[in-house]
Amino acid sequence: MATDNNSAGWLLFLAQLPSSPSSARVALWRRLRAIGAAGLVGGAWVLPRTAPHALFFEQMEETVRAQGGKVFVLAVPEAPPGTDAMIVTRFRADRDREYDELTERCGAFLAEIAKETGAGKFTFAELEENEQDLEKLAGWLAKIEARDFFSGDRRPQARDLLQRCHRALEDFSAGVYEAEGVQAPAETQRHIT
């Protein structure tokens, strides 16, 4: 869910879990990161103030209490402009790291396609593997975009790079069908021409 810089404030999530087992803290951290929460300082997390985020924090509140922890969820309707800017910068830095990693993986995907093309490895097994890899990249981009609440600068670049990956796979797919002497499915032919 995207938002913009003119948010209706923040939701602050403060949690403390027992030191043992550590798996509870790790699971909480993963769920907070997956939704796009930004960590501020030890056990303090923030999200833009929206109804879905409030519901998520309610669920996390129940989880923390069920595990013997302490938790507070605070709505911060207005923060000083400098604080708002600092929080938005934190969100953007988190997304930038994710976009950078995605860009690196897309580069590896394109390099693999180029290597297989250069070696003439036009097989259905290679095509299937590359299709699965591209699906993972596309799914990953969708997850990053869902938590890119402040439309980071790297989003358009990531989308363009993923399109390059799609085109490279389409070209590779055409090579596979040609090498195997099989007519490409209709949807593949539409993409090729």
Protein backbone atom coordinates (compact mmCIF):
# COMPACT_ATOMS: atom_id res chain seq x y z
CA MET A 1 0.00 0.00 0.00
CA ALA A 2 1.54 3.24 -1.06
CA THR A 3 1.11 6.52 0.68
CA ASP A 4 2.71 9.90 0.17
CA ASN A 5 4.74 12.42 2.09
CA ASN A 6 1.60 14.08 3.47
CA SER A 7 0.77 11.22 5.80
CA ALA A 8 -1.87 11.48 8.49
CA GLY A 9 0.84 10.79 11.04
CA TRP A 10 2.54 7.68 12.28
CA LEU A 11 1.89 4.54 14.24
CA LEU A 12 4.62 3.74 16.72
CA PHE A 13 5.06 0.14 17.84
CA LEU A 14 7.11 -0.43 21.00
CA ALA A 15 7.72 -4.05 21.92
CA GLN A 16 9.78 -5.98 24.41
CA LEU A 17 9.85 -9.76 24.29
CA PRO A 18 11.45 -12.14 26.78
CA SER A 19 15.08 -12.88 25.96
CA SER A 20 14.32 -16.55 25.48
CA PRO A 21 13.38 -18.02 23.11
CA SER A 22 15.01 -15.73 20.56
CA SER A 23 12.87 -17.20 17.77
CA ALA A 24 9.93 -15.03 18.92
CA ARG A 25 11.99 -11.84 18.50
CA VAL A 26 13.25 -12.98 15.10
CA ALA A 27 9.72 -13.85 13.93
CA LEU A 28 8.44 -10.45 15.08
CA TRP A 29 11.33 -8.67 13.35
CA ARG A 30 10.64 -10.54 10.10
CA ARG A 31 6.94 -9.71 10.12
CA LEU A 32 7.62 -6.04 10.82
CA ARG A 33 10.21 -5.89 8.02
CA ALA A 34 7.90 -7.74 5.62
CA ILE A 35 5.17 -5.12 5.96
CA GLY A 36 7.74 -2.35 5.55
CA ALA A 37 7.99 -1.02 9.11
CA ALA A 38 11.06 1.08 9.80
CA GLY A 39 13.07 0.35 12.91
CA LEU A 40 13.89 3.48 14.86
CA VAL A 41 15.72 2.40 18.02
CA GLY A 42 15.76 -0.82 20.06
CA GLY A 43 12.28 -2.30 19.81
CA ALA A 44 10.63 0.80 18.32
CA TRP A 45 9.06 0.51 14.89
CA VAL A 46 7.04 2.96 12.83
CA LEU A 47 4.55 2.79 9.96
CA PRO A 48 2.48 5.46 8.25
CA ARG A 49 -0.83 5.86 10.06
CA THR A 50 -3.35 3.93 7.95
CA ALA A 51 -6.19 1.58 8.85
CA PRO A 52 -4.42 -1.54 7.48
CA HIS A 53 -1.26 -0.67 9.41
CA ALA A 54 -3.29 -0.13 12.61
CA LEU A 55 -4.87 -3.56 12.12
CA PHE A 56 -1.46 -5.13 11.55
CA PHE A 57 -0.07 -3.58 14.74
CA GLU A 58 -3.14 -4.82 16.66
CA GLN A 59 -2.37 -8.34 15.47
CA MET A 60 1.29 -7.95 16.43
CA GLU A 61 0.23 -6.59 19.81
CA GLU A 62 -1.74 -9.79 20.48
CA THR A 63 1.20 -11.91 19.32
CA VAL A 64 3.68 -10.14 21.59
CA ARG A 65 1.39 -10.40 24.63
CA ALA A 66 0.72 -14.09 23.91
CA GLN A 67 4.48 -14.65 24.07
CA GLY A 68 4.80 -12.94 27.44
CA GLY A 69 6.03 -9.62 26.09
CA LYS A 70 5.11 -6.01 26.65
CA VAL A 71 3.87 -3.83 23.85
CA PHE A 72 2.49 -0.37 23.19
CA VAL A 73 1.01 0.99 19.99
CA LEU A 74 0.85 4.76 19.84
CA ALA A 75 -0.74 6.95 17.21
CA VAL A 76 1.34 10.03 16.51
CA PRO A 77 -0.98 12.33 14.54
CA GLU A 78 1.62 15.03 14.07
CA ALA A 79 5.37 15.12 14.44
CA PRO A 80 7.75 18.02 14.00
CA PRO A 81 8.74 18.45 10.32
CA GLY A 82 12.32 17.44 11.05
CA THR A 83 11.14 14.21 12.65
CA ASP A 84 8.81 13.48 9.74
CA ALA A 85 11.67 14.01 7.31
CA MET A 86 13.96 11.74 9.34
CA ILE A 87 11.38 8.95 9.39
CA VAL A 88 10.67 9.24 5.65
CA THR A 89 14.43 9.16 5.01
CA ARG A 90 14.63 5.93 7.03
CA PHE A 91 11.82 4.35 4.98
CA ARG A 92 13.48 5.40 1.71
CA ALA A 93 16.87 4.07 2.80
CA ASP A 94 15.30 0.69 3.63
CA ARG A 95 13.59 0.51 0.23
CA ASP A 96 16.71 1.74 -1.59
CA ARG A 97 18.66 -1.20 -0.14
CA GLU A 98 15.96 -3.57 -1.33
CA TYR A 99 15.85 -2.02 -4.81
CA ASP A 100 19.65 -2.20 -4.99
CA GLU A 101 19.63 -5.90 -4.14
CA LEU A 102 16.88 -6.53 -6.69
CA THR A 103 18.91 -4.63 -9.30
CA GLU A 104 21.91 -6.82 -8.53
CA ARG A 105 19.84 -9.98 -8.94
CA CYS A 106 18.32 -8.71 -12.20
CA GLY A 107 21.84 -8.05 -13.47
CA ALA A 108 22.79 -11.63 -12.59
CA PHE A 109 19.67 -12.86 -14.40
CA LEU A 110 20.58 -10.92 -17.55
CA ALA A 111 24.17 -12.18 -17.34
CA GLU A 112 22.92 -15.78 -17.06
CA ILE A 113 20.66 -15.36 -20.10
CA ALA A 114 23.58 -13.86 -22.06
CA LYS A 115 25.86 -16.73 -20.99
CA GLU A 116 23.33 -19.39 -21.98
CA THR A 117 22.63 -17.63 -25.27
CA GLY A 118 26.36 -17.37 -26.01
CA ALA A 119 26.83 -21.06 -25.22
CA GLY A 120 23.79 -21.99 -27.31
CA LYS A 121 22.07 -23.66 -24.33
CA PHE A 122 18.62 -23.31 -25.87
CA THR A 123 16.80 -26.05 -23.94
CA PHE A 124 13.39 -26.22 -22.36
CA ALA A 125 15.03 -27.07 -19.02
CA GLU A 126 17.01 -23.81 -19.13
CA LEU A 127 13.91 -21.90 -20.23
CA GLU A 128 11.86 -23.30 -17.35
CA GLU A 129 14.58 -22.43 -14.84
CA ASN A 130 14.83 -18.89 -16.21
CA GLU A 131 11.05 -18.47 -16.16
CA GLN A 132 11.01 -19.46 -12.48
CA ASP A 133 13.83 -17.04 -11.71
CA LEU A 134 11.99 -14.21 -13.47
CA GLU A 135 8.78 -15.00 -11.58
CA LYS A 136 10.72 -14.71 -8.32
CA LEU A 137 12.19 -11.36 -9.39
CA ALA A 138 8.75 -10.05 -10.39
CA GLY A 139 7.24 -11.21 -7.09
CA TRP A 140 10.07 -9.62 -5.16
CA LEU A 141 9.58 -6.30 -6.95
CA ALA A 142 5.85 -6.41 -6.14
CA LYS A 143 6.66 -6.92 -2.44
CA ILE A 144 9.13 -4.04 -2.40
CA GLU A 145 6.67 -1.74 -4.16
CA ALA A 146 3.93 -2.67 -1.67
CA ARG A 147 6.06 -1.33 1.16
CA ASP A 148 7.53 1.61 -0.78
CA PHE A 149 5.21 4.06 0.96
CA PHE A 150 7.10 7.13 -0.22
CA SER A 151 7.81 6.24 -3.87
CA GLY A 152 11.56 5.90 -3.81
CA ASP A 153 13.70 7.15 -6.66
CA ARG A 154 14.79 3.63 -7.54
CA ARG A 155 11.31 2.27 -8.26
CA PRO A 156 11.18 3.33 -11.96
CA GLN A 157 14.69 1.99 -12.54
CA ALA A 158 13.75 -1.35 -10.98
CA ARG A 159 10.64 -1.60 -13.15
CA ASP A 160 12.65 -0.80 -16.29
CA LEU A 161 15.28 -3.37 -15.41
CA LEU A 162 12.63 -6.03 -14.81
CA GLN A 163 11.18 -5.22 -18.25
CA ARG A 164 14.65 -5.76 -19.73
CA CYS A 165 14.69 -9.14 -18.00
CA HIS A 166 11.28 -9.97 -19.52
CA ARG A 167 12.48 -9.02 -23.02
CA ALA A 168 15.68 -11.04 -22.60
CA LEU A 169 13.66 -14.07 -21.57
CA GLU A 170 11.30 -13.62 -24.52
CA ASP A 171 14.28 -13.55 -26.89
CA PHE A 172 15.79 -16.60 -25.18
CA SER A 173 12.42 -18.36 -25.37
CA ALA A 174 12.28 -17.74 -29.13
CA GLY A 175 15.76 -19.27 -29.41
CA VAL A 176 14.65 -22.35 -27.46
CA TYR A 177 11.62 -22.96 -29.65
CA GLU A 178 13.69 -22.47 -32.77
CA ALA A 179 16.48 -24.79 -31.53
CA GLU A 180 13.98 -27.46 -30.53
CA GLY A 181 12.15 -27.18 -33.84
CA VAL A 182 8.86 -26.52 -32.11
CA GLN A 183 6.42 -23.73 -32.89
CA ALA A 184 6.16 -21.27 -30.04
CA PRO A 185 2.80 -21.00 -28.27
CA ALA A 186 0.58 -18.19 -29.55
CA GLU A 187 1.20 -15.94 -26.52
CA THR A 188 4.96 -16.31 -26.98
CA GLN A 189 4.74 -15.47 -30.69
CA ARG A 190 2.81 -12.28 -29.89
CA HIS A 191 5.64 -11.18 -27.59
CA ILE A 192 8.34 -12.08 -30.11
CA THR A 193 6.90 -10.18 -33.08
